[in-house]
Amino acid sequence: MAEMLQADWAKVGIRVKIVSYEWGEYLKRTKNGEHDISLIGWTGDNGDPDNWLGTLYSCAAIGGNNYSMWCDEKYDQLVKAAVAVTDREQRTDLYKQAQRYLKEQVPITPIAHSTVNQPLRAEVRDFHVSPFGRNNFSGVSIAD
């Protein structure tokens, strides 16, 4: 992935040097802000927009999961307001505003999102793939 990005950026005149570390060292250095660009993955596990927007990009998440080290007061206000609101439409609107603002400011560039494949035998009945990555086998049966 890094080589592909390096080649794409070179086409528009941006020179990038790839530096690689052992995973633990990489995480330590990115959490400390010792990078200009980093490549990291995230999979939401609870279905709430804050699991992305607050956990990954808020000022409070710097030194945690905010590897971009981006901190913006306007963005933070939108996300904090969304967390505090219980009205679904208002909450949705605030998160949409936060997403638009995040996209305009470009502290991150999403590249891809994983697709979960769950192979099953034809005899398996009543198994439902969870969007949260957990398998729940209650109610599952095997046909004769």
N, C-alpha and C. Protein backbone atom coordinates (compact mmCIF):
# COMPACT_ATOMS: atom_id res chain seq x y z
N MET A 1 0.83 -1.19 0.00
CA MET A 1 0.00 0.00 0.00
C MET A 1 0.88 1.25 0.00
N ALA A 2 1.91 1.28 0.84
CA ALA A 2 2.77 2.47 0.92
C ALA A 2 3.44 2.76 -0.42
N GLU A 3 3.89 1.70 -1.10
CA GLU A 3 4.56 1.88 -2.39
C GLU A 3 3.58 2.43 -3.43
N MET A 4 2.35 1.97 -3.39
CA MET A 4 1.35 2.45 -4.33
C MET A 4 1.09 3.94 -4.09
N LEU A 5 0.92 4.33 -2.84
CA LEU A 5 0.70 5.74 -2.51
C LEU A 5 1.91 6.59 -2.91
N GLN A 6 3.10 6.08 -2.64
CA GLN A 6 4.32 6.79 -3.01
C GLN A 6 4.36 7.05 -4.52
N ALA A 7 4.03 6.04 -5.30
CA ALA A 7 4.03 6.18 -6.76
C ALA A 7 2.96 7.17 -7.22
N ASP A 8 1.78 7.10 -6.63
CA ASP A 8 0.71 8.04 -7.00
C ASP A 8 1.10 9.48 -6.67
N TRP A 9 1.66 9.69 -5.49
CA TRP A 9 2.05 11.05 -5.10
C TRP A 9 3.19 11.57 -5.98
N ALA A 10 4.08 10.68 -6.39
CA ALA A 10 5.19 11.10 -7.27
C ALA A 10 4.66 11.66 -8.58
N LYS A 11 3.53 11.14 -9.05
CA LYS A 11 2.93 11.62 -10.30
C LYS A 11 2.49 13.08 -10.21
N VAL A 12 2.23 13.56 -9.00
CA VAL A 12 1.83 14.96 -8.82
C VAL A 12 2.93 15.78 -8.14
N GLY A 13 4.15 15.23 -8.15
CA GLY A 13 5.31 15.98 -7.68
C GLY A 13 5.57 15.93 -6.19
N ILE A 14 4.95 15.01 -5.48
CA ILE A 14 5.19 14.88 -4.04
C ILE A 14 6.12 13.70 -3.80
N ARG A 15 7.28 14.01 -3.22
CA ARG A 15 8.26 12.96 -2.92
C ARG A 15 8.03 12.45 -1.50
N VAL A 16 7.99 11.14 -1.37
CA VAL A 16 7.74 10.51 -0.08
C VAL A 16 8.79 9.44 0.17
N LYS A 17 9.35 9.45 1.37
CA LYS A 17 10.28 8.40 1.78
C LYS A 17 9.53 7.45 2.71
N ILE A 18 9.53 6.18 2.38
CA ILE A 18 8.85 5.18 3.20
C ILE A 18 9.80 4.72 4.30
N VAL A 19 9.32 4.81 5.53
CA VAL A 19 10.07 4.33 6.69
C VAL A 19 9.20 3.30 7.39
N SER A 20 9.76 2.13 7.66
CA SER A 20 8.99 1.05 8.26
C SER A 20 9.59 0.65 9.60
N TYR A 21 8.72 0.32 10.55
CA TYR A 21 9.14 -0.10 11.89
C TYR A 21 8.39 -1.36 12.29
N GLU A 22 8.89 -2.04 13.29
CA GLU A 22 8.15 -3.12 13.94
C GLU A 22 6.86 -2.49 14.49
N TRP A 23 5.76 -3.25 14.51
CA TRP A 23 4.43 -2.73 14.82
C TRP A 23 4.37 -1.94 16.13
N GLY A 24 4.90 -2.47 17.19
CA GLY A 24 4.88 -1.76 18.48
C GLY A 24 5.62 -0.44 18.42
N GLU A 25 6.74 -0.42 17.76
CA GLU A 25 7.52 0.81 17.59
C GLU A 25 6.77 1.80 16.71
N TYR A 26 6.13 1.30 15.67
CA TYR A 26 5.34 2.15 14.77
C TYR A 26 4.22 2.85 15.54
N LEU A 27 3.48 2.09 16.34
CA LEU A 27 2.39 2.67 17.13
C LEU A 27 2.92 3.71 18.11
N LYS A 28 4.01 3.40 18.78
CA LYS A 28 4.60 4.35 19.74
C LYS A 28 4.98 5.65 19.05
N ARG A 29 5.64 5.54 17.92
CA ARG A 29 6.08 6.74 17.20
C ARG A 29 4.91 7.55 16.65
N THR A 30 3.90 6.88 16.12
CA THR A 30 2.76 7.64 15.59
C THR A 30 1.96 8.28 16.71
N LYS A 31 1.81 7.61 17.84
CA LYS A 31 1.10 8.22 18.98
C LYS A 31 1.87 9.43 19.51
N ASN A 32 3.18 9.43 19.34
CA ASN A 32 4.00 10.57 19.77
C ASN A 32 4.09 11.65 18.71
N GLY A 33 3.48 11.42 17.55
CA GLY A 33 3.50 12.43 16.49
C GLY A 33 4.80 12.49 15.72
N GLU A 34 5.57 11.40 15.70
CA GLU A 34 6.86 11.37 15.01
C GLU A 34 6.69 10.98 13.55
N HIS A 35 5.76 11.62 12.86
CA HIS A 35 5.50 11.28 11.46
C HIS A 35 4.90 12.48 10.74
N ASP A 36 5.07 12.50 9.45
CA ASP A 36 4.37 13.47 8.61
C ASP A 36 3.10 12.83 8.04
N ILE A 37 3.20 11.55 7.74
CA ILE A 37 2.08 10.78 7.20
C ILE A 37 2.14 9.40 7.86
N SER A 38 0.99 8.85 8.18
CA SER A 38 0.98 7.47 8.68
C SER A 38 -0.16 6.72 8.02
N LEU A 39 -0.04 5.42 8.02
CA LEU A 39 -1.06 4.54 7.45
C LEU A 39 -1.54 3.65 8.58
N ILE A 40 -2.82 3.75 8.89
CA ILE A 40 -3.37 3.01 10.03
C ILE A 40 -4.78 2.56 9.67
N GLY A 41 -5.25 1.52 10.28
CA GLY A 41 -6.60 1.02 10.02
C GLY A 41 -7.49 1.12 11.24
N TRP A 42 -8.79 1.08 11.00
CA TRP A 42 -9.76 1.13 12.09
C TRP A 42 -11.04 0.47 11.61
N THR A 43 -11.62 -0.33 12.46
CA THR A 43 -12.92 -0.92 12.18
C THR A 43 -13.84 -0.60 13.34
N GLY A 44 -14.93 0.09 13.05
CA GLY A 44 -15.90 0.42 14.08
C GLY A 44 -16.54 -0.85 14.62
N ASP A 45 -16.76 -0.88 15.93
CA ASP A 45 -17.27 -2.11 16.52
C ASP A 45 -18.56 -1.93 17.32
N ASN A 46 -19.17 -0.73 17.25
CA ASN A 46 -20.40 -0.58 18.02
C ASN A 46 -21.52 0.14 17.26
N GLY A 47 -21.28 0.55 16.04
CA GLY A 47 -22.32 1.16 15.23
C GLY A 47 -22.60 2.62 15.50
N ASP A 48 -21.90 3.22 16.46
CA ASP A 48 -22.13 4.63 16.78
C ASP A 48 -21.14 5.51 16.02
N PRO A 49 -21.60 6.60 15.41
CA PRO A 49 -20.68 7.48 14.67
C PRO A 49 -19.53 8.00 15.51
N ASP A 50 -19.74 8.16 16.82
CA ASP A 50 -18.66 8.66 17.67
C ASP A 50 -17.49 7.70 17.74
N ASN A 51 -17.75 6.41 17.46
CA ASN A 51 -16.68 5.42 17.45
C ASN A 51 -15.65 5.72 16.37
N TRP A 52 -16.03 6.53 15.40
CA TRP A 52 -15.10 7.01 14.38
C TRP A 52 -14.75 8.47 14.64
N LEU A 53 -15.77 9.29 14.66
CA LEU A 53 -15.56 10.74 14.64
C LEU A 53 -14.95 11.29 15.92
N GLY A 54 -15.32 10.74 17.06
CA GLY A 54 -14.73 11.18 18.32
C GLY A 54 -13.46 10.43 18.65
N THR A 55 -13.52 9.12 18.50
CA THR A 55 -12.40 8.25 18.86
C THR A 55 -11.16 8.50 18.02
N LEU A 56 -11.35 8.84 16.75
CA LEU A 56 -10.21 8.97 15.84
C LEU A 56 -9.75 10.39 15.57
N TYR A 57 -10.63 11.38 15.71
CA TYR A 57 -10.27 12.72 15.23
C TYR A 57 -10.48 13.84 16.24
N SER A 58 -10.91 13.54 17.45
CA SER A 58 -11.12 14.61 18.43
C SER A 58 -9.79 15.03 19.05
N CYS A 59 -9.78 16.22 19.60
CA CYS A 59 -8.57 16.71 20.29
C CYS A 59 -8.23 15.81 21.46
N ALA A 60 -9.26 15.32 22.17
CA ALA A 60 -9.03 14.47 23.34
C ALA A 60 -8.38 13.14 22.96
N ALA A 61 -8.50 12.73 21.70
CA ALA A 61 -7.95 11.44 21.27
C ALA A 61 -6.49 11.53 20.83
N ILE A 62 -5.89 12.74 20.86
CA ILE A 62 -4.46 12.86 20.54
C ILE A 62 -3.66 12.14 21.62
N GLY A 63 -2.71 11.32 21.18
CA GLY A 63 -1.96 10.49 22.11
C GLY A 63 -2.66 9.15 22.33
N GLY A 64 -3.85 9.02 21.77
CA GLY A 64 -4.61 7.77 21.80
C GLY A 64 -4.77 7.27 20.39
N ASN A 65 -6.00 7.34 19.87
CA ASN A 65 -6.26 6.85 18.52
C ASN A 65 -6.27 7.94 17.45
N ASN A 66 -6.02 9.18 17.82
CA ASN A 66 -5.94 10.27 16.84
C ASN A 66 -4.51 10.36 16.32
N TYR A 67 -4.17 9.46 15.41
CA TYR A 67 -2.81 9.40 14.86
C TYR A 67 -2.51 10.58 13.95
N SER A 68 -3.54 11.26 13.47
CA SER A 68 -3.32 12.42 12.61
C SER A 68 -2.80 13.61 13.42
N MET A 69 -3.02 13.59 14.73
CA MET A 69 -2.63 14.67 15.64
C MET A 69 -3.39 15.96 15.32
N TRP A 70 -4.47 15.84 14.56
CA TRP A 70 -5.28 16.99 14.17
C TRP A 70 -6.19 17.36 15.32
N CYS A 71 -6.26 18.63 15.63
CA CYS A 71 -7.14 19.13 16.70
C CYS A 71 -7.78 20.41 16.19
N ASP A 72 -9.10 20.43 16.13
CA ASP A 72 -9.81 21.58 15.60
C ASP A 72 -11.01 21.88 16.50
N GLU A 73 -11.08 23.11 17.00
CA GLU A 73 -12.12 23.49 17.96
C GLU A 73 -13.53 23.37 17.38
N LYS A 74 -13.72 23.82 16.14
CA LYS A 74 -15.04 23.75 15.52
C LYS A 74 -15.50 22.29 15.39
N TYR A 75 -14.61 21.45 14.92
CA TYR A 75 -14.93 20.03 14.77
C TYR A 75 -15.27 19.42 16.13
N ASP A 76 -14.44 19.69 17.12
CA ASP A 76 -14.68 19.15 18.46
C ASP A 76 -16.04 19.58 19.01
N GLN A 77 -16.41 20.82 18.78
CA GLN A 77 -17.71 21.31 19.26
C GLN A 77 -18.85 20.54 18.62
N LEU A 78 -18.75 20.29 17.32
CA LEU A 78 -19.79 19.53 16.63
C LEU A 78 -19.92 18.11 17.18
N VAL A 79 -18.79 17.44 17.38
CA VAL A 79 -18.81 16.07 17.87
C VAL A 79 -19.30 16.01 19.32
N LYS A 80 -18.84 16.94 20.15
CA LYS A 80 -19.30 16.97 21.55
C LYS A 80 -20.80 17.23 21.62
N ALA A 81 -21.30 18.11 20.78
CA ALA A 81 -22.73 18.40 20.75
C ALA A 81 -23.51 17.16 20.32
N ALA A 82 -23.01 16.44 19.32
CA ALA A 82 -23.69 15.24 18.83
C ALA A 82 -23.76 14.16 19.91
N VAL A 83 -22.69 14.00 20.66
CA VAL A 83 -22.68 12.99 21.73
C VAL A 83 -23.72 13.31 22.79
N ALA A 84 -23.94 14.60 23.05
CA ALA A 84 -24.84 15.02 24.12
C ALA A 84 -26.31 15.02 23.73
N VAL A 85 -26.61 15.00 22.45
CA VAL A 85 -27.99 15.10 21.97
C VAL A 85 -28.63 13.71 21.92
N THR A 86 -29.88 13.62 22.38
CA THR A 86 -30.59 12.34 22.31
C THR A 86 -31.56 12.27 21.13
N ASP A 87 -31.92 13.41 20.58
CA ASP A 87 -32.81 13.42 19.42
C ASP A 87 -32.06 12.90 18.19
N ARG A 88 -32.59 11.84 17.59
CA ARG A 88 -31.89 11.15 16.50
C ARG A 88 -31.62 12.07 15.31
N GLU A 89 -32.60 12.88 14.90
CA GLU A 89 -32.41 13.76 13.74
C GLU A 89 -31.37 14.83 14.02
N GLN A 90 -31.41 15.43 15.20
CA GLN A 90 -30.41 16.45 15.56
C GLN A 90 -29.01 15.83 15.61
N ARG A 91 -28.93 14.66 16.21
CA ARG A 91 -27.64 13.98 16.33
C ARG A 91 -27.08 13.65 14.95
N THR A 92 -27.93 13.13 14.08
CA THR A 92 -27.51 12.81 12.72
C THR A 92 -27.03 14.06 12.00
N ASP A 93 -27.76 15.15 12.13
CA ASP A 93 -27.38 16.40 11.48
C ASP A 93 -26.02 16.90 11.98
N LEU A 94 -25.79 16.84 13.29
CA LEU A 94 -24.50 17.28 13.84
C LEU A 94 -23.35 16.40 13.34
N TYR A 95 -23.56 15.10 13.28
CA TYR A 95 -22.51 14.22 12.77
C TYR A 95 -22.27 14.45 11.28
N LYS A 96 -23.31 14.73 10.53
CA LYS A 96 -23.13 15.05 9.10
C LYS A 96 -22.31 16.33 8.95
N GLN A 97 -22.61 17.34 9.77
CA GLN A 97 -21.83 18.58 9.73
C GLN A 97 -20.37 18.30 10.07
N ALA A 98 -20.14 17.48 11.09
CA ALA A 98 -18.77 17.14 11.49
C ALA A 98 -18.05 16.41 10.36
N GLN A 99 -18.73 15.49 9.69
CA GLN A 99 -18.12 14.76 8.58
C GLN A 99 -17.78 15.68 7.42
N ARG A 100 -18.69 16.59 7.09
CA ARG A 100 -18.42 17.55 6.00
C ARG A 100 -17.20 18.41 6.35
N TYR A 101 -17.16 18.89 7.59
CA TYR A 101 -16.06 19.74 8.02
C TYR A 101 -14.74 18.96 8.00
N LEU A 102 -14.77 17.74 8.47
CA LEU A 102 -13.58 16.88 8.46
C LEU A 102 -13.08 16.71 7.02
N LYS A 103 -14.01 16.46 6.11
CA LYS A 103 -13.64 16.28 4.70
C LYS A 103 -13.03 17.56 4.11
N GLU A 104 -13.58 18.72 4.48
CA GLU A 104 -13.05 20.01 3.99
C GLU A 104 -11.65 20.28 4.52
N GLN A 105 -11.39 19.92 5.76
CA GLN A 105 -10.10 20.21 6.40
C GLN A 105 -9.00 19.22 5.98
N VAL A 106 -9.36 18.04 5.58
CA VAL A 106 -8.49 16.99 5.06
C VAL A 106 -7.32 16.61 5.98
N PRO A 107 -7.57 16.34 7.27
CA PRO A 107 -6.47 15.83 8.09
C PRO A 107 -6.23 14.34 7.85
N ILE A 108 -7.20 13.71 7.18
CA ILE A 108 -7.13 12.27 6.90
C ILE A 108 -7.60 12.03 5.47
N THR A 109 -7.16 10.92 4.91
CA THR A 109 -7.63 10.51 3.59
C THR A 109 -8.00 9.04 3.65
N PRO A 110 -9.29 8.74 3.79
CA PRO A 110 -9.68 7.32 3.80
C PRO A 110 -9.31 6.67 2.47
N ILE A 111 -8.76 5.49 2.54
CA ILE A 111 -8.32 4.78 1.34
C ILE A 111 -9.25 3.63 1.00
N ALA A 112 -9.62 2.87 2.01
CA ALA A 112 -10.44 1.69 1.77
C ALA A 112 -11.11 1.27 3.07
N HIS A 113 -12.06 0.40 2.95
CA HIS A 113 -12.67 -0.21 4.13
C HIS A 113 -12.78 -1.70 3.85
N SER A 114 -12.54 -2.47 4.87
CA SER A 114 -12.55 -3.92 4.69
C SER A 114 -13.95 -4.45 4.41
N THR A 115 -14.00 -5.52 3.68
CA THR A 115 -15.23 -6.25 3.44
C THR A 115 -15.13 -7.55 4.22
N VAL A 116 -16.14 -7.82 5.02
CA VAL A 116 -16.12 -9.04 5.82
C VAL A 116 -16.79 -10.16 5.03
N ASN A 117 -16.07 -11.24 4.86
CA ASN A 117 -16.62 -12.43 4.22
C ASN A 117 -16.84 -13.49 5.28
N GLN A 118 -17.99 -14.11 5.28
CA GLN A 118 -18.31 -15.13 6.27
C GLN A 118 -18.75 -16.39 5.54
N PRO A 119 -17.81 -17.30 5.27
CA PRO A 119 -18.19 -18.52 4.56
C PRO A 119 -19.03 -19.43 5.46
N LEU A 120 -20.07 -20.01 4.89
CA LEU A 120 -20.95 -20.92 5.62
C LEU A 120 -21.27 -22.13 4.75
N ARG A 121 -21.41 -23.24 5.39
CA ARG A 121 -21.88 -24.43 4.67
C ARG A 121 -23.36 -24.26 4.38
N ALA A 122 -23.83 -24.90 3.34
CA ALA A 122 -25.23 -24.80 2.92
C ALA A 122 -26.19 -25.28 4.00
N GLU A 123 -25.73 -26.16 4.89
CA GLU A 123 -26.60 -26.74 5.92
C GLU A 123 -26.84 -25.80 7.10
N VAL A 124 -26.08 -24.72 7.21
CA VAL A 124 -26.21 -23.80 8.36
C VAL A 124 -27.48 -22.97 8.19
N ARG A 125 -28.28 -22.91 9.25
CA ARG A 125 -29.54 -22.17 9.23
C ARG A 125 -29.54 -21.08 10.31
N ASP A 126 -30.15 -19.95 9.96
CA ASP A 126 -30.42 -18.85 10.90
C ASP A 126 -29.16 -18.21 11.49
N PHE A 127 -28.07 -18.21 10.72
CA PHE A 127 -26.88 -17.45 11.14
C PHE A 127 -26.92 -16.10 10.44
N HIS A 128 -26.73 -15.04 11.19
CA HIS A 128 -26.75 -13.69 10.63
C HIS A 128 -25.40 -13.02 10.88
N VAL A 129 -24.81 -12.48 9.83
CA VAL A 129 -23.53 -11.79 9.94
C VAL A 129 -23.75 -10.46 10.64
N SER A 130 -22.98 -10.21 11.68
CA SER A 130 -23.09 -8.97 12.44
C SER A 130 -22.23 -7.89 11.81
N PRO A 131 -22.74 -6.66 11.72
CA PRO A 131 -21.92 -5.57 11.20
C PRO A 131 -20.80 -5.16 12.17
N PHE A 132 -20.82 -5.72 13.38
CA PHE A 132 -19.84 -5.36 14.40
C PHE A 132 -18.71 -6.36 14.52
N GLY A 133 -18.67 -7.38 13.66
CA GLY A 133 -17.56 -8.31 13.64
C GLY A 133 -17.63 -9.42 14.66
N ARG A 134 -18.73 -9.54 15.38
CA ARG A 134 -18.86 -10.60 16.37
C ARG A 134 -19.80 -11.68 15.84
N ASN A 135 -19.51 -12.91 16.15
CA ASN A 135 -20.39 -14.01 15.75
C ASN A 135 -21.30 -14.38 16.90
N ASN A 136 -22.60 -14.40 16.63
CA ASN A 136 -23.59 -14.81 17.62
C ASN A 136 -24.24 -16.08 17.08
N PHE A 137 -24.01 -17.17 17.77
CA PHE A 137 -24.50 -18.46 17.29
C PHE A 137 -25.81 -18.89 17.95
N SER A 138 -26.42 -18.03 18.77
CA SER A 138 -27.70 -18.41 19.38
C SER A 138 -28.75 -18.52 18.28
N GLY A 139 -29.49 -19.59 18.31
CA GLY A 139 -30.52 -19.82 17.30
C GLY A 139 -30.02 -20.46 16.02
N VAL A 140 -28.72 -20.68 15.90
CA VAL A 140 -28.15 -21.29 14.70
C VAL A 140 -28.34 -22.80 14.78
N SER A 141 -28.66 -23.39 13.65
CA SER A 141 -28.80 -24.85 13.61
C SER A 141 -28.18 -25.38 12.33
N ILE A 142 -28.04 -26.69 12.30
CA ILE A 142 -27.50 -27.37 11.12
C ILE A 142 -28.61 -28.27 10.58
N ALA A 143 -28.95 -28.08 9.32
CA ALA A 143 -30.00 -28.89 8.70
C ALA A 143 -29.50 -30.30 8.44
N ASP A 144 -30.42 -31.24 8.53
CA ASP A 144 -30.06 -32.65 8.26
C ASP A 144 -29.98 -32.92 6.79
